[in-house]
Amino acid sequence: MIVHADARLLAEAVAARLIVRVLDAQAERGSADVVLTGGRVAAAVYRAVLANPARDAVDWSRVDLWWGDERFLPAGDPDRNDTQAREALLDALPLDPARVHPMPPSDGPDGADPELAAARYAAELARSAPGSGELPHFDVLLLGVGEDGHVASVFPEHPVAYETRPVSAVRGSPKPPPVRTTLTLPAINTADEVWLIAAGPDKAGAVGMALTGAGPVQLPAAGVHGTSRTVWLLDRAAAAQVPLSSRALR
């Protein structure tokens, strides 16, 4: 766990860390797969990536971008996570459009059926998977942490918390909009590195519980981990209920 003084410094540090991680992945594998998230902190991170001169060291044409979850809304809706990411960062990068993989919108080929949209995204993930696998090699997967401890669109005690398929529709989300699509916990936990990012006092309770033994169904943030590394990236307000002995201050 790494704690930064405030939300601005947190966003800048995560952005710099992300650039380095993508460069390392490209040096190791020739390309990089990154799973993006949404929310205020994510938008600040994306803007910080754009403002960081080191971004030009990345070969963005060899980066595949995926999303951990999405609001099931029409393409271009301002509440969609991919719309947020495009406006904050992606539209300014020399990406290969074929390697940008947003989750299907509600006005896409599957119409207003989130189950079909989830299945379509699962098929797209499988097409990029090595061998006969279901998922690509995710180098880093970004997650925000909700006030209730949800990650992606996996909410506490919700049926999706028990889901074993890689992608699931979500109906009856406790946070609007009620219909979403999401990677499930088993899919999230295939990533090399999972970064959980939180800022602000409203996240402190969930962060403290997740780091002190809560169960993954009651608090999904407690049930995610990378295969090689799990990193909590916080500001001081979000870390307020974590013991000082657990913190690495920056």
C-alpha atoms as a PDB file:
ATOM      1  CA  MET A   1       0.000   0.000   0.000  1.00  0.00           C
ATOM      2  CA  ILE A   2       1.318   3.417  -0.971  1.00  0.00           C
ATOM      3  CA  VAL A   3      -0.207   6.578   0.471  1.00  0.00           C
ATOM      4  CA  HIS A   4       0.172   9.991  -1.145  1.00  0.00           C
ATOM      5  CA  ALA A   5      -0.503  13.332   0.485  1.00  0.00           C
ATOM      6  CA  ASP A   6      -3.565  14.259  -1.556  1.00  0.00           C
ATOM      7  CA  ALA A   7      -5.663  13.270  -4.562  1.00  0.00           C
ATOM      8  CA  ARG A   8      -3.656  15.380  -7.020  1.00  0.00           C
ATOM      9  CA  LEU A   9      -0.351  13.802  -6.075  1.00  0.00           C
ATOM     10  CA  LEU A  10      -2.004  10.389  -6.116  1.00  0.00           C
ATOM     11  CA  ALA A  11      -3.225  10.862  -9.688  1.00  0.00           C
ATOM     12  CA  GLU A  12       0.162  12.081 -10.863  1.00  0.00           C
ATOM     13  CA  ALA A  13       1.961   9.178  -9.186  1.00  0.00           C
ATOM     14  CA  VAL A  14      -0.418   6.575 -10.617  1.00  0.00           C
ATOM     15  CA  ALA A  15      -0.019   8.103 -14.083  1.00  0.00           C
ATOM     16  CA  ALA A  16       3.778   7.917 -13.882  1.00  0.00           C
ATOM     17  CA  ARG A  17       3.599   4.359 -12.550  1.00  0.00           C
ATOM     18  CA  LEU A  18       1.247   3.359 -15.385  1.00  0.00           C
ATOM     19  CA  ILE A  19       3.551   4.750 -18.070  1.00  0.00           C
ATOM     20  CA  VAL A  20       6.482   2.788 -16.624  1.00  0.00           C
ATOM     21  CA  ARG A  21       4.412  -0.401 -16.363  1.00  0.00           C
ATOM     22  CA  VAL A  22       3.341  -0.149 -20.011  1.00  0.00           C
ATOM     23  CA  LEU A  23       6.927   0.450 -21.093  1.00  0.00           C
ATOM     24  CA  ASP A  24       8.075  -2.578 -19.095  1.00  0.00           C
ATOM     25  CA  ALA A  25       5.380  -4.765 -20.636  1.00  0.00           C
ATOM     26  CA  GLN A  26       6.314  -3.665 -24.135  1.00  0.00           C
ATOM     27  CA  ALA A  27       9.969  -4.398 -23.420  1.00  0.00           C
ATOM     28  CA  GLU A  28       9.029  -7.883 -22.164  1.00  0.00           C
ATOM     29  CA  ARG A  29       6.299  -8.892 -24.604  1.00  0.00           C
ATOM     30  CA  GLY A  30       6.332  -6.334 -27.433  1.00  0.00           C
ATOM     31  CA  SER A  31       2.885  -5.062 -26.471  1.00  0.00           C
ATOM     32  CA  ALA A  32       0.816  -4.251 -23.395  1.00  0.00           C
ATOM     33  CA  ASP A  33      -2.742  -4.952 -22.261  1.00  0.00           C
ATOM     34  CA  VAL A  34      -4.252  -2.486 -19.809  1.00  0.00           C
ATOM     35  CA  VAL A  35      -7.690  -2.667 -18.202  1.00  0.00           C
ATOM     36  CA  LEU A  36      -9.153   0.774 -17.507  1.00  0.00           C
ATOM     37  CA  THR A  37     -11.647   1.883 -14.901  1.00  0.00           C
ATOM     38  CA  GLY A  38     -13.955   4.862 -14.431  1.00  0.00           C
ATOM     39  CA  GLY A  39     -14.708   7.493 -11.834  1.00  0.00           C
ATOM     40  CA  ARG A  40     -13.262  10.796 -10.658  1.00  0.00           C
ATOM     41  CA  VAL A  41      -9.882   9.445  -9.625  1.00  0.00           C
ATOM     42  CA  ALA A  42      -9.526   7.544 -12.908  1.00  0.00           C
ATOM     43  CA  ALA A  43     -10.274  10.673 -14.919  1.00  0.00           C
ATOM     44  CA  ALA A  44      -7.608  12.545 -12.946  1.00  0.00           C
ATOM     45  CA  VAL A  45      -5.107   9.754 -13.643  1.00  0.00           C
ATOM     46  CA  TYR A  46      -5.856   9.850 -17.368  1.00  0.00           C
ATOM     47  CA  ARG A  47      -5.401  13.619 -17.476  1.00  0.00           C
ATOM     48  CA  ALA A  48      -2.112  13.209 -15.603  1.00  0.00           C
ATOM     49  CA  VAL A  49      -0.907  10.644 -18.158  1.00  0.00           C
ATOM     50  CA  LEU A  50      -1.637  13.155 -20.919  1.00  0.00           C
ATOM     51  CA  ALA A  51       0.258  15.880 -19.057  1.00  0.00           C
ATOM     52  CA  ASN A  52       3.298  13.671 -18.402  1.00  0.00           C
ATOM     53  CA  PRO A  53       5.999  14.108 -21.093  1.00  0.00           C
ATOM     54  CA  ALA A  54       7.111  10.500 -20.554  1.00  0.00           C
ATOM     55  CA  ARG A  55       3.919   9.316 -22.262  1.00  0.00           C
ATOM     56  CA  ASP A  56       5.717   9.839 -25.598  1.00  0.00           C
ATOM     57  CA  ALA A  57       8.124   7.017 -24.733  1.00  0.00           C
ATOM     58  CA  VAL A  58       5.229   4.548 -25.073  1.00  0.00           C
ATOM     59  CA  ASP A  59       4.401   3.004 -28.432  1.00  0.00           C
ATOM     60  CA  TRP A  60       0.666   3.508 -28.078  1.00  0.00           C
ATOM     61  CA  SER A  61      -0.021   1.620 -31.301  1.00  0.00           C
ATOM     62  CA  ARG A  62       1.035  -1.533 -29.432  1.00  0.00           C
ATOM     63  CA  VAL A  63      -1.275  -1.088 -26.436  1.00  0.00           C
ATOM     64  CA  ASP A  64      -4.568  -2.945 -26.077  1.00  0.00           C
ATOM     65  CA  LEU A  65      -7.080  -1.169 -23.886  1.00  0.00           C
ATOM     66  CA  TRP A  66      -9.929  -2.989 -22.149  1.00  0.00           C
ATOM     67  CA  TRP A  67     -12.488  -1.928 -19.555  1.00  0.00           C
ATOM     68  CA  GLY A  68     -13.266  -3.518 -16.219  1.00  0.00           C
ATOM     69  CA  ASP A  69     -16.903  -2.461 -16.337  1.00  0.00           C
ATOM     70  CA  GLU A  70     -19.310  -0.194 -18.122  1.00  0.00           C
ATOM     71  CA  ARG A  71     -22.635   1.525 -17.646  1.00  0.00           C
ATOM     72  CA  PHE A  72     -25.029  -0.014 -20.193  1.00  0.00           C
ATOM     73  CA  LEU A  73     -25.861   3.233 -21.949  1.00  0.00           C
ATOM     74  CA  PRO A  74     -25.771   4.450 -25.564  1.00  0.00           C
ATOM     75  CA  ALA A  75     -22.411   4.989 -27.238  1.00  0.00           C
ATOM     76  CA  GLY A  76     -20.999   8.405 -26.437  1.00  0.00           C
ATOM     77  CA  ASP A  77     -23.115   8.895 -23.324  1.00  0.00           C
ATOM     78  CA  PRO A  78     -21.109  11.088 -20.921  1.00  0.00           C
ATOM     79  CA  ASP A  79     -21.721   8.632 -18.077  1.00  0.00           C
ATOM     80  CA  ARG A  80     -19.991   5.786 -19.903  1.00  0.00           C
ATOM     81  CA  ASN A  81     -16.492   4.964 -18.691  1.00  0.00           C
ATOM     82  CA  ASP A  82     -15.113   4.745 -22.220  1.00  0.00           C
ATOM     83  CA  THR A  83     -16.486   8.223 -23.036  1.00  0.00           C
ATOM     84  CA  GLN A  84     -14.726   9.585 -19.954  1.00  0.00           C
ATOM     85  CA  ALA A  85     -11.435   7.925 -20.877  1.00  0.00           C
ATOM     86  CA  ARG A  86     -11.587   9.095 -24.489  1.00  0.00           C
ATOM     87  CA  GLU A  87     -12.219  12.703 -23.479  1.00  0.00           C
ATOM     88  CA  ALA A  88      -9.538  12.733 -20.780  1.00  0.00           C
ATOM     89  CA  LEU A  89      -6.806  10.889 -22.659  1.00  0.00           C
ATOM     90  CA  LEU A  90      -7.461   8.392 -25.425  1.00  0.00           C
ATOM     91  CA  ASP A  91      -8.522  10.807 -28.160  1.00  0.00           C
ATOM     92  CA  ALA A  92      -5.136  12.523 -27.816  1.00  0.00           C
ATOM     93  CA  LEU A  93      -3.046   9.351 -28.162  1.00  0.00           C
ATOM     94  CA  PRO A  94      -1.871   7.632 -31.379  1.00  0.00           C
ATOM     95  CA  LEU A  95      -3.728   4.425 -30.573  1.00  0.00           C
ATOM     96  CA  ASP A  96      -4.606   1.666 -33.011  1.00  0.00           C
ATOM     97  CA  PRO A  97      -8.441   1.818 -33.046  1.00  0.00           C
ATOM     98  CA  ALA A  98      -8.588  -1.953 -33.495  1.00  0.00           C
ATOM     99  CA  ARG A  99      -6.835  -2.335 -30.143  1.00  0.00           C
ATOM    100  CA  VAL A 100      -9.292  -0.204 -28.180  1.00  0.00           C
ATOM    101  CA  HIS A 101     -11.978  -2.523 -26.816  1.00  0.00           C
ATOM    102  CA  PRO A 102     -14.917  -0.718 -25.158  1.00  0.00           C
ATOM    103  CA  MET A 103     -17.731  -2.777 -23.729  1.00  0.00           C
ATOM    104  CA  PRO A 104     -20.804  -2.781 -25.997  1.00  0.00           C
ATOM    105  CA  PRO A 105     -23.272   0.104 -25.609  1.00  0.00           C
ATOM    106  CA  SER A 106     -27.013  -0.256 -25.184  1.00  0.00           C
ATOM    107  CA  ASP A 107     -27.558   0.942 -28.767  1.00  0.00           C
ATOM    108  CA  GLY A 108     -25.092  -1.592 -30.181  1.00  0.00           C
ATOM    109  CA  PRO A 109     -25.791  -4.718 -32.240  1.00  0.00           C
ATOM    110  CA  ASP A 110     -27.240  -6.544 -29.221  1.00  0.00           C
ATOM    111  CA  GLY A 111     -29.805  -3.870 -28.530  1.00  0.00           C
ATOM    112  CA  ALA A 112     -30.889  -3.388 -24.954  1.00  0.00           C
ATOM    113  CA  ASP A 113     -29.873  -6.893 -23.828  1.00  0.00           C
ATOM    114  CA  PRO A 114     -26.936  -6.680 -21.388  1.00  0.00           C
ATOM    115  CA  GLU A 115     -26.531 -10.465 -21.282  1.00  0.00           C
ATOM    116  CA  LEU A 116     -25.850 -10.546 -25.025  1.00  0.00           C
ATOM    117  CA  ALA A 117     -23.515  -7.554 -24.640  1.00  0.00           C
ATOM    118  CA  ALA A 118     -21.598  -9.371 -21.883  1.00  0.00           C
ATOM    119  CA  ALA A 119     -21.313 -12.477 -24.054  1.00  0.00           C
ATOM    120  CA  ARG A 120     -20.075 -10.381 -26.973  1.00  0.00           C
ATOM    121  CA  TYR A 121     -17.356  -8.849 -24.809  1.00  0.00           C
ATOM    122  CA  ALA A 122     -16.355 -12.254 -23.480  1.00  0.00           C
ATOM    123  CA  ALA A 123     -15.960 -13.434 -27.076  1.00  0.00           C
ATOM    124  CA  GLU A 124     -13.813 -10.396 -27.910  1.00  0.00           C
ATOM    125  CA  LEU A 125     -11.599 -11.086 -24.906  1.00  0.00           C
ATOM    126  CA  ALA A 126     -11.237 -14.728 -25.955  1.00  0.00           C
ATOM    127  CA  ARG A 127     -10.167 -13.727 -29.468  1.00  0.00           C
ATOM    128  CA  SER A 128      -7.212 -11.880 -27.928  1.00  0.00           C
ATOM    129  CA  ALA A 129      -6.359 -14.637 -25.465  1.00  0.00           C
ATOM    130  CA  PRO A 130      -3.236 -16.717 -25.931  1.00  0.00           C
ATOM    131  CA  GLY A 131      -3.820 -20.309 -26.952  1.00  0.00           C
ATOM    132  CA  SER A 132      -7.287 -21.551 -26.059  1.00  0.00           C
ATOM    133  CA  GLY A 133      -7.722 -19.279 -23.070  1.00  0.00           C
ATOM    134  CA  GLU A 134     -10.653 -17.025 -22.253  1.00  0.00           C
ATOM    135  CA  LEU A 135      -8.729 -13.842 -21.458  1.00  0.00           C
ATOM    136  CA  PRO A 136      -5.784 -11.809 -22.757  1.00  0.00           C
ATOM    137  CA  HIS A 137      -2.614 -11.397 -20.744  1.00  0.00           C
ATOM    138  CA  PHE A 138      -3.609  -8.366 -18.646  1.00  0.00           C
ATOM    139  CA  ASP A 139      -0.408  -6.564 -17.621  1.00  0.00           C
ATOM    140  CA  VAL A 140      -2.164  -4.146 -15.298  1.00  0.00           C
ATOM    141  CA  LEU A 141      -5.786  -3.755 -14.275  1.00  0.00           C
ATOM    142  CA  LEU A 142      -6.968  -0.519 -12.671  1.00  0.00           C
ATOM    143  CA  LEU A 143      -9.815  -0.474 -10.164  1.00  0.00           C
ATOM    144  CA  GLY A 144     -11.551   2.268  -8.297  1.00  0.00           C
ATOM    145  CA  VAL A 145     -13.010   1.405  -4.905  1.00  0.00           C
ATOM    146  CA  GLY A 146     -16.577   2.397  -4.081  1.00  0.00           C
ATOM    147  CA  GLU A 147     -17.774   3.725  -0.753  1.00  0.00           C
ATOM    148  CA  ASP A 148     -19.467   0.354  -0.235  1.00  0.00           C
ATOM    149  CA  GLY A 149     -16.358  -1.588  -1.241  1.00  0.00           C
ATOM    150  CA  HIS A 150     -17.467  -2.455  -4.762  1.00  0.00           C
ATOM    151  CA  VAL A 151     -14.942  -2.797  -7.586  1.00  0.00           C
ATOM    152  CA  ALA A 152     -15.779  -2.612 -11.282  1.00  0.00           C
ATOM    153  CA  SER A 153     -19.547  -3.323 -11.119  1.00  0.00           C
ATOM    154  CA  VAL A 154     -19.233  -6.147  -8.599  1.00  0.00           C
ATOM    155  CA  PHE A 155     -21.305  -4.959  -5.655  1.00  0.00           C
ATOM    156  CA  PRO A 156     -21.470  -6.393  -2.130  1.00  0.00           C
ATOM    157  CA  GLU A 157     -23.883  -9.313  -1.759  1.00  0.00           C
ATOM    158  CA  HIS A 158     -25.008  -8.910  -5.388  1.00  0.00           C
ATOM    159  CA  PRO A 159     -25.401 -12.072  -7.504  1.00  0.00           C
ATOM    160  CA  VAL A 160     -22.519 -10.957  -9.728  1.00  0.00           C
ATOM    161  CA  ALA A 161     -20.182 -11.398  -6.743  1.00  0.00           C
ATOM    162  CA  TYR A 162     -20.709 -15.161  -7.157  1.00  0.00           C
ATOM    163  CA  GLU A 163     -20.347 -15.178 -10.954  1.00  0.00           C
ATOM    164  CA  THR A 164     -17.705 -17.441 -12.500  1.00  0.00           C
ATOM    165  CA  ARG A 165     -17.974 -16.410 -16.154  1.00  0.00           C
ATOM    166  CA  PRO A 166     -15.390 -13.792 -17.191  1.00  0.00           C
ATOM    167  CA  VAL A 167     -17.973 -11.134 -18.091  1.00  0.00           C
ATOM    168  CA  SER A 168     -21.432 -10.674 -16.618  1.00  0.00           C
ATOM    169  CA  ALA A 169     -24.447  -8.465 -17.034  1.00  0.00           C
ATOM    170  CA  VAL A 170     -25.508  -6.584 -13.920  1.00  0.00           C
ATOM    171  CA  ARG A 171     -29.152  -5.779 -13.265  1.00  0.00           C
ATOM    172  CA  GLY A 172     -30.401  -3.906 -10.245  1.00  0.00           C
ATOM    173  CA  SER A 173     -27.123  -2.172  -9.473  1.00  0.00           C
ATOM    174  CA  PRO A 174     -27.421  -0.293  -6.158  1.00  0.00           C
ATOM    175  CA  LYS A 175     -25.625   2.590  -7.840  1.00  0.00           C
ATOM    176  CA  PRO A 176     -27.198   4.173 -10.943  1.00  0.00           C
ATOM    177  CA  PRO A 177     -27.545   3.326 -13.715  1.00  0.00           C
ATOM    178  CA  PRO A 178     -29.075  -0.013 -12.709  1.00  0.00           C
ATOM    179  CA  VAL A 179     -27.913  -1.987 -15.772  1.00  0.00           C
ATOM    180  CA  ARG A 180     -24.214  -2.576 -16.410  1.00  0.00           C
ATOM    181  CA  THR A 181     -21.670  -5.043 -17.726  1.00  0.00           C
ATOM    182  CA  THR A 182     -18.561  -6.047 -15.791  1.00  0.00           C
ATOM    183  CA  LEU A 183     -15.565  -8.286 -15.567  1.00  0.00           C
ATOM    184  CA  THR A 184     -16.107 -10.715 -12.724  1.00  0.00           C
ATOM    185  CA  LEU A 185     -13.787 -11.343  -9.790  1.00  0.00           C
ATOM    186  CA  PRO A 186     -12.254 -14.476 -11.388  1.00  0.00           C
ATOM    187  CA  ALA A 187     -11.436 -12.494 -14.531  1.00  0.00           C
ATOM    188  CA  ILE A 188     -10.028  -9.540 -12.594  1.00  0.00           C
ATOM    189  CA  ASN A 189      -7.789 -11.885 -10.633  1.00  0.00           C
ATOM    190  CA  THR A 190      -6.014 -13.139 -13.762  1.00  0.00           C
ATOM    191  CA  ALA A 191      -4.192  -9.809 -14.211  1.00  0.00           C
ATOM    192  CA  ASP A 192      -0.460  -9.662 -13.535  1.00  0.00           C
ATOM    193  CA  GLU A 193      -0.928  -6.533 -11.453  1.00  0.00           C
ATOM    194  CA  VAL A 194      -4.120  -5.185  -9.912  1.00  0.00           C
ATOM    195  CA  TRP A 195      -4.042  -1.587  -8.695  1.00  0.00           C
ATOM    196  CA  LEU A 196      -6.794  -0.412  -6.353  1.00  0.00           C
ATOM    197  CA  ILE A 197      -7.000   3.371  -6.384  1.00  0.00           C
ATOM    198  CA  ALA A 198      -8.978   5.443  -3.885  1.00  0.00           C
ATOM    199  CA  ALA A 199      -9.065   9.045  -2.735  1.00  0.00           C
ATOM    200  CA  GLY A 200     -11.158  10.964  -0.231  1.00  0.00           C
ATOM    201  CA  PRO A 201     -12.600  10.371   3.247  1.00  0.00           C
ATOM    202  CA  ASP A 202     -15.713   8.669   1.866  1.00  0.00           C
ATOM    203  CA  LYS A 203     -13.546   5.713   0.821  1.00  0.00           C
ATOM    204  CA  ALA A 204     -11.776   5.299   4.152  1.00  0.00           C
ATOM    205  CA  GLY A 205     -14.226   2.825   5.679  1.00  0.00           C
ATOM    206  CA  ALA A 206     -14.211   0.474   2.687  1.00  0.00           C
ATOM    207  CA  VAL A 207     -10.432   0.644   2.366  1.00  0.00           C
ATOM    208  CA  GLY A 208      -9.929  -0.069   6.061  1.00  0.00           C
ATOM    209  CA  MET A 209     -12.289  -3.046   5.993  1.00  0.00           C
ATOM    210  CA  ALA A 210     -10.784  -4.476   2.802  1.00  0.00           C
ATOM    211  CA  LEU A 211      -7.312  -4.406   4.311  1.00  0.00           C
ATOM    212  CA  THR A 212      -8.333  -5.952   7.614  1.00  0.00           C
ATOM    213  CA  GLY A 213      -9.891  -9.229   6.539  1.00  0.00           C
ATOM    214  CA  ALA A 214     -13.376  -8.612   5.107  1.00  0.00           C
ATOM    215  CA  GLY A 215     -14.746 -11.325   2.819  1.00  0.00           C
ATOM    216  CA  PRO A 216     -14.999 -10.883  -0.978  1.00  0.00           C
ATOM    217  CA  VAL A 217     -18.783 -11.272  -1.166  1.00  0.00           C
ATOM    218  CA  GLN A 218     -19.415  -8.758   1.622  1.00  0.00           C
ATOM    219  CA  LEU A 219     -16.680  -6.443   0.298  1.00  0.00           C
ATOM    220  CA  PRO A 220     -15.556  -7.222  -3.265  1.00  0.00           C
ATOM    221  CA  ALA A 221     -12.475  -4.978  -2.930  1.00  0.00           C
ATOM    222  CA  ALA A 222     -11.152  -7.505  -0.425  1.00  0.00           C
ATOM    223  CA  GLY A 223     -11.363 -10.290  -2.976  1.00  0.00           C
ATOM    224  CA  VAL A 224      -9.206  -8.947  -5.808  1.00  0.00           C
ATOM    225  CA  HIS A 225      -5.525  -9.595  -6.334  1.00  0.00           C
ATOM    226  CA  GLY A 226      -2.969  -9.697  -9.100  1.00  0.00           C
ATOM    227  CA  THR A 227      -1.138 -12.887  -9.966  1.00  0.00           C
ATOM    228  CA  SER A 228       2.192 -11.156  -9.345  1.00  0.00           C
ATOM    229  CA  ARG A 229       1.304  -7.963  -7.479  1.00  0.00           C
ATOM    230  CA  THR A 230      -1.595  -6.187  -5.785  1.00  0.00           C
ATOM    231  CA  VAL A 231      -1.083  -2.490  -5.054  1.00  0.00           C
ATOM    232  CA  TRP A 232      -3.304  -0.170  -3.056  1.00  0.00           C
ATOM    233  CA  LEU A 233      -2.720   3.430  -4.163  1.00  0.00           C
ATOM    234  CA  LEU A 234      -4.369   5.900  -1.804  1.00  0.00           C
ATOM    235  CA  ASP A 235      -4.385   9.453  -0.605  1.00  0.00           C
ATOM    236  CA  ARG A 236      -4.156  10.158   3.129  1.00  0.00           C
ATOM    237  CA  ALA A 237      -7.888  10.673   3.513  1.00  0.00           C
ATOM    238  CA  ALA A 238      -8.721   7.277   1.995  1.00  0.00           C
ATOM    239  CA  ALA A 239      -6.061   5.610   4.165  1.00  0.00           C
ATOM    240  CA  ALA A 240      -7.322   7.154   7.407  1.00  0.00           C
ATOM    241  CA  GLN A 241      -8.635   3.851   8.812  1.00  0.00           C
ATOM    242  CA  VAL A 242      -5.596   1.769   7.857  1.00  0.00           C
ATOM    243  CA  PRO A 243      -2.990   1.169  10.588  1.00  0.00           C
ATOM    244  CA  LEU A 244       0.069   3.392  10.193  1.00  0.00           C
ATOM    245  CA  SER A 245       2.314   0.340  10.236  1.00  0.00           C
ATOM    246  CA  SER A 246       0.781  -0.783   6.927  1.00  0.00           C
ATOM    247  CA  ARG A 247       1.440   2.446   5.056  1.00  0.00           C
ATOM    248  CA  ALA A 248       4.265   3.492   2.775  1.00  0.00           C
ATOM    249  CA  LEU A 249       4.026   7.270   2.762  1.00  0.00           C
ATOM    250  CA  ARG A 250       5.014   9.382  -0.235  1.00  0.00           C
END
